[in-house]
Amino acid sequence: MRGFHTVQSDSTVYGYYAWNSLILVGKAEGNKLSGHIYDGIFEIRMNPDGKSYSGFIFDNSAAEAGYWTGIRK
């Protein structure tokens, strides 16, 4: 199992990234998903194409937020 896998229940989203065992818990509102991941926070938005997303992840030990992108499958 490689890649990021999510399950949604109502507006709550649970996710797991197999490569480094990151666990995500967030809330979906419209085209936005925000929440907690490991020891940080994140916010991503679905792009207008409905297939890709982008946003930021802020690890509590990092000085700056990282950019996060992906494709919905």
Protein backbone atom coordinates (compact mmCIF):
# COMPACT_ATOMS: atom_id res chain seq x y z
CA MET A 1 0.00 0.00 0.00
CA ARG A 2 1.76 3.13 -1.21
CA GLY A 3 0.39 6.65 -1.20
CA PHE A 4 -2.11 8.50 0.92
CA HIS A 5 -5.41 6.79 1.72
CA THR A 6 -8.45 8.50 3.25
CA VAL A 7 -11.90 7.62 4.53
CA GLN A 8 -14.66 10.17 5.13
CA SER A 9 -17.49 9.92 7.67
CA ASP A 10 -19.84 12.91 7.45
CA SER A 11 -17.45 15.90 7.46
CA THR A 12 -14.62 14.10 9.32
CA VAL A 13 -11.75 12.69 7.23
CA TYR A 14 -9.27 10.09 8.47
CA GLY A 15 -6.13 9.39 6.50
CA TYR A 16 -2.99 7.29 6.49
CA TYR A 17 0.22 7.76 4.54
CA ALA A 18 1.92 4.37 4.31
CA TRP A 19 5.41 5.61 3.36
CA ASN A 20 6.15 7.17 6.74
CA SER A 21 3.10 6.14 8.79
CA LEU A 22 1.55 9.62 9.05
CA ILE A 23 -1.98 9.73 10.40
CA LEU A 24 -4.34 12.57 9.46
CA VAL A 25 -7.61 13.70 11.02
CA GLY A 26 -9.42 16.62 9.49
CA LYS A 27 -12.71 18.30 8.69
CA ALA A 28 -14.03 18.80 5.15
CA GLU A 29 -15.89 22.02 4.40
CA GLY A 30 -16.74 22.74 0.76
CA ASN A 31 -13.48 22.40 -1.20
CA LYS A 32 -11.30 22.74 1.94
CA LEU A 33 -9.85 20.05 4.20
CA SER A 34 -8.02 21.15 7.35
CA GLY A 35 -6.89 19.43 10.50
CA HIS A 36 -4.02 17.70 12.28
CA ILE A 37 -1.35 15.42 10.89
CA TYR A 38 1.19 13.74 13.17
CA ASP A 39 2.63 16.68 15.13
CA GLY A 40 1.44 19.47 12.85
CA ILE A 41 -1.51 21.07 11.10
CA PHE A 42 -2.56 21.27 7.46
CA GLU A 43 -4.99 22.94 5.09
CA ILE A 44 -5.58 21.83 1.51
CA ARG A 45 -8.13 22.90 -1.09
CA MET A 46 -9.44 21.03 -4.09
CA ASN A 47 -8.49 22.85 -7.29
CA PRO A 48 -11.20 23.91 -9.78
CA ASP A 49 -10.45 20.85 -11.97
CA GLY A 50 -11.87 18.62 -9.19
CA LYS A 51 -8.96 16.19 -9.55
CA SER A 52 -5.98 17.92 -7.92
CA TYR A 53 -5.42 19.68 -4.63
CA SER A 54 -2.87 21.97 -3.06
CA GLY A 55 -2.20 23.52 0.30
CA PHE A 56 0.17 23.75 3.21
CA ILE A 57 1.37 21.53 6.02
CA PHE A 58 3.04 22.97 9.09
CA ASP A 59 5.11 20.55 11.14
CA ASN A 60 5.45 21.82 14.72
CA SER A 61 9.23 21.41 14.53
CA ALA A 62 9.57 23.28 11.21
CA ALA A 63 10.22 27.00 10.92
CA GLU A 64 8.14 27.32 7.74
CA ALA A 65 5.12 25.59 6.26
CA GLY A 66 5.63 23.07 3.47
CA TYR A 67 3.66 23.07 0.24
CA TRP A 68 1.41 20.03 -0.30
CA THR A 69 0.00 18.95 -3.68
CA GLY A 70 -1.60 15.81 -5.03
CA ILE A 71 -4.03 14.18 -7.43
CA ARG A 72 -7.32 12.63 -6.40
CA LYS A 73 -7.81 9.07 -7.66
